[in-house]
Amino acid sequence: MLTEINPKLPMRNKAITRDFYLNKLGFQEFGSADYDGYLMVQKDSIQIHFFEFKELDPKENYGQVYIRTDDIEALYHFVKDKNVNSTELEHKLWMQREFSILDPDSNLLTFGQNLF
């Protein structure tokens, strides 16, 4: 049986990725080992893993994650207060309120909450 999913996204520089997720998005580092070329972060009940890909061209990166939340307003204001560039918070036709951000390597993170 499937129990959870932990997406793996590319990163060019571990220190920059760690700083963005910990200091801008409020994640915490997960795990006790500092693995070379690998990073794991968590916030609430989700984890995102990153693998080193130094040759990554951010303009050609299609890494994407959709993250559901139960308080989209608070998350949106948290991100804005941290001066993270994001799309506007919008009502979508598929009955979601959503906004998106790009991390330093152009991985697209979309945050959504059900409208019903």
N, C-alpha and C. Protein backbone atom coordinates (compact mmCIF):
# COMPACT_ATOMS: atom_id res chain seq x y z
N MET A 1 0.82 -1.19 0.00
CA MET A 1 0.00 0.00 0.00
C MET A 1 0.87 1.26 0.00
N LEU A 2 0.44 2.26 -0.70
CA LEU A 2 1.15 3.53 -0.74
C LEU A 2 0.78 4.35 0.50
N THR A 3 1.76 5.00 1.10
CA THR A 3 1.48 5.77 2.32
C THR A 3 1.83 7.24 2.23
N GLU A 4 2.77 7.61 1.39
CA GLU A 4 3.12 9.03 1.24
C GLU A 4 4.00 9.19 0.01
N ILE A 5 4.25 10.44 -0.34
CA ILE A 5 5.13 10.74 -1.47
C ILE A 5 6.08 11.85 -1.05
N ASN A 6 7.34 11.70 -1.44
CA ASN A 6 8.36 12.71 -1.16
C ASN A 6 9.03 13.07 -2.48
N PRO A 7 8.60 14.16 -3.09
CA PRO A 7 9.18 14.52 -4.39
C PRO A 7 10.66 14.82 -4.28
N LYS A 8 11.39 14.50 -5.36
CA LYS A 8 12.81 14.81 -5.47
C LYS A 8 12.98 15.82 -6.59
N LEU A 9 13.57 16.95 -6.25
CA LEU A 9 13.77 18.03 -7.22
C LEU A 9 15.26 18.32 -7.38
N PRO A 10 15.65 18.83 -8.55
CA PRO A 10 17.07 19.15 -8.75
C PRO A 10 17.46 20.46 -8.07
N MET A 11 18.72 20.53 -7.66
CA MET A 11 19.29 21.77 -7.11
C MET A 11 20.71 21.91 -7.63
N ARG A 12 21.09 23.15 -7.88
CA ARG A 12 22.47 23.40 -8.32
C ARG A 12 23.41 23.60 -7.15
N ASN A 13 22.93 24.23 -6.08
CA ASN A 13 23.78 24.60 -4.96
C ASN A 13 23.02 24.31 -3.66
N LYS A 14 23.52 23.37 -2.89
CA LYS A 14 22.84 22.93 -1.67
C LYS A 14 22.67 24.06 -0.66
N ALA A 15 23.70 24.89 -0.49
CA ALA A 15 23.62 25.98 0.49
C ALA A 15 22.53 26.99 0.12
N ILE A 16 22.41 27.31 -1.16
CA ILE A 16 21.39 28.27 -1.62
C ILE A 16 20.00 27.66 -1.46
N THR A 17 19.85 26.40 -1.84
CA THR A 17 18.55 25.72 -1.71
C THR A 17 18.16 25.62 -0.24
N ARG A 18 19.08 25.21 0.61
CA ARG A 18 18.80 25.10 2.05
C ARG A 18 18.37 26.46 2.60
N ASP A 19 19.09 27.50 2.28
CA ASP A 19 18.76 28.84 2.77
C ASP A 19 17.36 29.26 2.33
N PHE A 20 17.01 29.05 1.08
CA PHE A 20 15.71 29.45 0.57
C PHE A 20 14.59 28.72 1.29
N TYR A 21 14.68 27.41 1.39
CA TYR A 21 13.60 26.63 1.99
C TYR A 21 13.50 26.84 3.50
N LEU A 22 14.63 26.97 4.18
CA LEU A 22 14.60 27.15 5.63
C LEU A 22 14.25 28.59 6.01
N ASN A 23 14.87 29.56 5.37
CA ASN A 23 14.71 30.95 5.79
C ASN A 23 13.61 31.71 5.08
N LYS A 24 13.22 31.29 3.91
CA LYS A 24 12.15 31.98 3.17
C LYS A 24 10.81 31.27 3.28
N LEU A 25 10.83 29.93 3.32
CA LEU A 25 9.58 29.18 3.31
C LEU A 25 9.26 28.51 4.65
N GLY A 26 10.18 28.58 5.61
CA GLY A 26 9.89 28.06 6.94
C GLY A 26 10.01 26.55 7.09
N PHE A 27 10.71 25.89 6.18
CA PHE A 27 10.95 24.46 6.32
C PHE A 27 12.06 24.23 7.34
N GLN A 28 12.21 22.98 7.75
CA GLN A 28 13.32 22.56 8.60
C GLN A 28 14.06 21.46 7.88
N GLU A 29 15.36 21.37 8.16
CA GLU A 29 16.12 20.27 7.57
C GLU A 29 15.68 18.97 8.23
N PHE A 30 15.57 17.92 7.44
CA PHE A 30 15.13 16.62 7.91
C PHE A 30 16.31 15.66 7.90
N GLY A 31 16.39 14.83 8.91
CA GLY A 31 17.45 13.84 8.99
C GLY A 31 18.66 14.38 9.74
N SER A 32 19.46 13.48 10.23
CA SER A 32 20.60 13.89 11.04
C SER A 32 21.91 13.88 10.27
N ALA A 33 21.93 13.32 9.09
CA ALA A 33 23.17 13.23 8.32
C ALA A 33 23.21 14.32 7.26
N ASP A 34 24.37 14.90 7.06
CA ASP A 34 24.57 15.90 6.01
C ASP A 34 25.12 15.17 4.79
N TYR A 35 24.21 14.68 3.96
CA TYR A 35 24.60 13.90 2.79
C TYR A 35 25.17 14.80 1.71
N ASP A 36 26.26 14.37 1.13
CA ASP A 36 26.87 15.12 0.04
C ASP A 36 25.95 15.09 -1.17
N GLY A 37 25.59 16.28 -1.66
CA GLY A 37 24.78 16.37 -2.87
C GLY A 37 23.32 16.02 -2.69
N TYR A 38 22.83 15.96 -1.46
CA TYR A 38 21.43 15.60 -1.20
C TYR A 38 20.93 16.41 -0.02
N LEU A 39 19.67 16.85 -0.10
CA LEU A 39 19.07 17.66 0.95
C LEU A 39 17.63 17.21 1.14
N MET A 40 17.21 17.11 2.40
CA MET A 40 15.82 16.78 2.73
C MET A 40 15.29 17.86 3.66
N VAL A 41 14.12 18.41 3.31
CA VAL A 41 13.49 19.43 4.15
C VAL A 41 12.06 19.00 4.43
N GLN A 42 11.52 19.50 5.54
CA GLN A 42 10.13 19.19 5.88
C GLN A 42 9.46 20.40 6.49
N LYS A 43 8.16 20.45 6.32
CA LYS A 43 7.32 21.46 6.95
C LYS A 43 5.97 20.79 7.20
N ASP A 44 5.53 20.87 8.44
CA ASP A 44 4.29 20.20 8.83
C ASP A 44 4.39 18.73 8.45
N SER A 45 3.52 18.23 7.60
CA SER A 45 3.56 16.79 7.29
C SER A 45 4.09 16.48 5.89
N ILE A 46 4.80 17.42 5.28
CA ILE A 46 5.37 17.12 3.96
C ILE A 46 6.89 17.19 3.99
N GLN A 47 7.50 16.45 3.09
CA GLN A 47 8.94 16.49 2.87
C GLN A 47 9.19 16.73 1.39
N ILE A 48 10.26 17.46 1.11
CA ILE A 48 10.77 17.59 -0.25
C ILE A 48 12.24 17.23 -0.20
N HIS A 49 12.67 16.41 -1.14
CA HIS A 49 14.07 16.00 -1.24
C HIS A 49 14.68 16.68 -2.47
N PHE A 50 15.97 16.94 -2.39
CA PHE A 50 16.70 17.59 -3.49
C PHE A 50 17.97 16.80 -3.78
N PHE A 51 18.27 16.66 -5.06
CA PHE A 51 19.51 16.02 -5.48
C PHE A 51 20.34 17.05 -6.24
N GLU A 52 21.64 16.96 -6.08
CA GLU A 52 22.54 17.91 -6.74
C GLU A 52 22.60 17.65 -8.24
N PHE A 53 22.42 18.73 -8.99
CA PHE A 53 22.50 18.69 -10.45
C PHE A 53 23.15 20.01 -10.85
N LYS A 54 24.48 20.07 -10.74
CA LYS A 54 25.21 21.32 -10.94
C LYS A 54 25.06 21.88 -12.35
N GLU A 55 24.82 21.02 -13.33
CA GLU A 55 24.70 21.46 -14.72
C GLU A 55 23.29 21.91 -15.08
N LEU A 56 22.39 21.91 -14.13
CA LEU A 56 21.01 22.29 -14.39
C LEU A 56 20.92 23.71 -14.95
N ASP A 57 20.20 23.85 -16.04
CA ASP A 57 19.89 25.18 -16.58
C ASP A 57 18.49 25.53 -16.09
N PRO A 58 18.37 26.50 -15.16
CA PRO A 58 17.05 26.82 -14.61
C PRO A 58 16.00 27.16 -15.67
N LYS A 59 16.43 27.68 -16.81
CA LYS A 59 15.49 28.00 -17.87
C LYS A 59 14.90 26.75 -18.52
N GLU A 60 15.53 25.59 -18.28
CA GLU A 60 15.06 24.35 -18.86
C GLU A 60 14.58 23.37 -17.79
N ASN A 61 14.35 23.86 -16.58
CA ASN A 61 13.91 22.99 -15.49
C ASN A 61 12.39 22.93 -15.46
N TYR A 62 11.87 21.71 -15.47
CA TYR A 62 10.43 21.52 -15.43
C TYR A 62 9.97 20.87 -14.12
N GLY A 63 10.84 20.91 -13.08
CA GLY A 63 10.47 20.36 -11.79
C GLY A 63 9.26 21.09 -11.22
N GLN A 64 8.25 20.34 -10.80
CA GLN A 64 7.02 20.93 -10.26
C GLN A 64 6.47 20.07 -9.13
N VAL A 65 5.90 20.75 -8.13
CA VAL A 65 5.23 20.06 -7.03
C VAL A 65 3.96 20.84 -6.71
N TYR A 66 2.87 20.11 -6.50
CA TYR A 66 1.62 20.71 -6.05
C TYR A 66 1.45 20.34 -4.58
N ILE A 67 1.33 21.34 -3.72
CA ILE A 67 1.25 21.13 -2.28
C ILE A 67 -0.10 21.64 -1.78
N ARG A 68 -0.86 20.77 -1.17
CA ARG A 68 -2.15 21.17 -0.61
C ARG A 68 -1.96 21.71 0.81
N THR A 69 -2.78 22.69 1.15
CA THR A 69 -2.75 23.30 2.46
C THR A 69 -4.18 23.46 2.97
N ASP A 70 -4.32 23.62 4.28
CA ASP A 70 -5.65 23.89 4.83
C ASP A 70 -5.79 25.34 5.29
N ASP A 71 -4.76 26.18 4.98
CA ASP A 71 -4.83 27.61 5.32
C ASP A 71 -4.03 28.40 4.28
N ILE A 72 -4.58 28.49 3.08
CA ILE A 72 -3.89 29.14 1.97
C ILE A 72 -3.63 30.62 2.24
N GLU A 73 -4.56 31.28 2.92
CA GLU A 73 -4.39 32.71 3.22
C GLU A 73 -3.16 32.95 4.08
N ALA A 74 -3.03 32.19 5.17
CA ALA A 74 -1.89 32.36 6.08
C ALA A 74 -0.58 32.05 5.37
N LEU A 75 -0.57 30.99 4.57
CA LEU A 75 0.65 30.62 3.85
C LEU A 75 1.02 31.70 2.84
N TYR A 76 0.05 32.20 2.12
CA TYR A 76 0.31 33.26 1.14
C TYR A 76 0.90 34.50 1.82
N HIS A 77 0.33 34.91 2.94
CA HIS A 77 0.84 36.08 3.65
C HIS A 77 2.22 35.83 4.25
N PHE A 78 2.47 34.61 4.71
CA PHE A 78 3.79 34.24 5.21
C PHE A 78 4.85 34.40 4.11
N VAL A 79 4.54 33.87 2.93
CA VAL A 79 5.47 33.95 1.80
C VAL A 79 5.70 35.42 1.40
N LYS A 80 4.63 36.19 1.35
CA LYS A 80 4.75 37.61 0.99
C LYS A 80 5.58 38.37 2.02
N ASP A 81 5.37 38.07 3.31
CA ASP A 81 6.13 38.73 4.37
C ASP A 81 7.62 38.41 4.29
N LYS A 82 7.97 37.27 3.70
CA LYS A 82 9.37 36.88 3.52
C LYS A 82 9.94 37.40 2.20
N ASN A 83 9.16 38.22 1.48
CA ASN A 83 9.58 38.80 0.20
C ASN A 83 9.92 37.76 -0.86
N VAL A 84 9.15 36.68 -0.86
CA VAL A 84 9.30 35.67 -1.90
C VAL A 84 8.37 36.05 -3.05
N ASN A 85 8.91 36.10 -4.26
CA ASN A 85 8.08 36.39 -5.43
C ASN A 85 7.09 35.26 -5.64
N SER A 86 5.84 35.62 -5.86
CA SER A 86 4.81 34.61 -6.10
C SER A 86 3.78 35.17 -7.06
N THR A 87 2.97 34.25 -7.57
CA THR A 87 1.80 34.68 -8.33
C THR A 87 0.78 35.20 -7.33
N GLU A 88 -0.26 35.81 -7.83
CA GLU A 88 -1.35 36.26 -6.95
C GLU A 88 -2.15 35.05 -6.48
N LEU A 89 -2.76 35.17 -5.34
CA LEU A 89 -3.66 34.14 -4.83
C LEU A 89 -4.95 34.22 -5.64
N GLU A 90 -5.31 33.12 -6.30
CA GLU A 90 -6.44 33.13 -7.23
C GLU A 90 -7.40 31.98 -6.96
N HIS A 91 -8.67 32.22 -7.31
CA HIS A 91 -9.68 31.16 -7.37
C HIS A 91 -9.57 30.53 -8.75
N LYS A 92 -9.41 29.22 -8.81
CA LYS A 92 -9.28 28.51 -10.07
C LYS A 92 -10.59 27.80 -10.42
N LEU A 93 -10.78 27.55 -11.70
CA LEU A 93 -11.99 26.88 -12.17
C LEU A 93 -12.14 25.48 -11.58
N TRP A 94 -11.04 24.86 -11.20
CA TRP A 94 -11.08 23.50 -10.66
C TRP A 94 -11.30 23.50 -9.14
N MET A 95 -11.92 24.58 -8.64
CA MET A 95 -12.36 24.71 -7.25
C MET A 95 -11.20 24.69 -6.24
N GLN A 96 -10.14 25.40 -6.60
CA GLN A 96 -8.98 25.55 -5.72
C GLN A 96 -8.64 27.03 -5.60
N ARG A 97 -8.08 27.43 -4.47
CA ARG A 97 -7.40 28.72 -4.34
C ARG A 97 -5.93 28.39 -4.39
N GLU A 98 -5.19 29.07 -5.25
CA GLU A 98 -3.80 28.70 -5.51
C GLU A 98 -2.92 29.93 -5.67
N PHE A 99 -1.63 29.69 -5.38
CA PHE A 99 -0.56 30.60 -5.79
C PHE A 99 0.69 29.75 -6.02
N SER A 100 1.64 30.30 -6.76
CA SER A 100 2.85 29.56 -7.10
C SER A 100 4.08 30.41 -6.87
N ILE A 101 5.19 29.72 -6.64
CA ILE A 101 6.50 30.37 -6.54
C ILE A 101 7.51 29.53 -7.31
N LEU A 102 8.62 30.15 -7.66
CA LEU A 102 9.76 29.45 -8.22
C LEU A 102 10.89 29.49 -7.20
N ASP A 103 11.54 28.35 -6.97
CA ASP A 103 12.68 28.35 -6.07
C ASP A 103 13.92 28.80 -6.85
N PRO A 104 15.09 28.87 -6.22
CA PRO A 104 16.30 29.37 -6.92
C PRO A 104 16.69 28.59 -8.16
N ASP A 105 16.20 27.36 -8.31
CA ASP A 105 16.52 26.55 -9.48
C ASP A 105 15.36 26.43 -10.45
N SER A 106 14.35 27.27 -10.26
CA SER A 106 13.14 27.31 -11.10
C SER A 106 12.27 26.07 -10.95
N ASN A 107 12.34 25.40 -9.81
CA ASN A 107 11.34 24.38 -9.49
C ASN A 107 10.07 25.13 -9.13
N LEU A 108 8.95 24.73 -9.75
CA LEU A 108 7.68 25.39 -9.52
C LEU A 108 6.95 24.73 -8.35
N LEU A 109 6.65 25.53 -7.33
CA LEU A 109 5.86 25.05 -6.19
C LEU A 109 4.52 25.74 -6.26
N THR A 110 3.45 24.96 -6.41
CA THR A 110 2.10 25.51 -6.42
C THR A 110 1.42 25.05 -5.14
N PHE A 111 0.83 25.99 -4.43
CA PHE A 111 0.14 25.72 -3.18
C PHE A 111 -1.36 25.90 -3.43
N GLY A 112 -2.17 24.96 -2.96
CA GLY A 112 -3.60 25.03 -3.20
C GLY A 112 -4.44 24.58 -2.03
N GLN A 113 -5.65 25.12 -1.97
CA GLN A 113 -6.64 24.71 -0.98
C GLN A 113 -7.98 24.55 -1.66
N ASN A 114 -8.70 23.48 -1.28
CA ASN A 114 -10.04 23.25 -1.82
C ASN A 114 -10.96 24.40 -1.44
N LEU A 115 -11.84 24.78 -2.37
CA LEU A 115 -12.81 25.83 -2.11
C LEU A 115 -14.10 25.30 -1.50
N PHE A 116 -14.27 24.00 -1.44
CA PHE A 116 -15.51 23.45 -0.90
C PHE A 116 -15.27 22.73 0.39
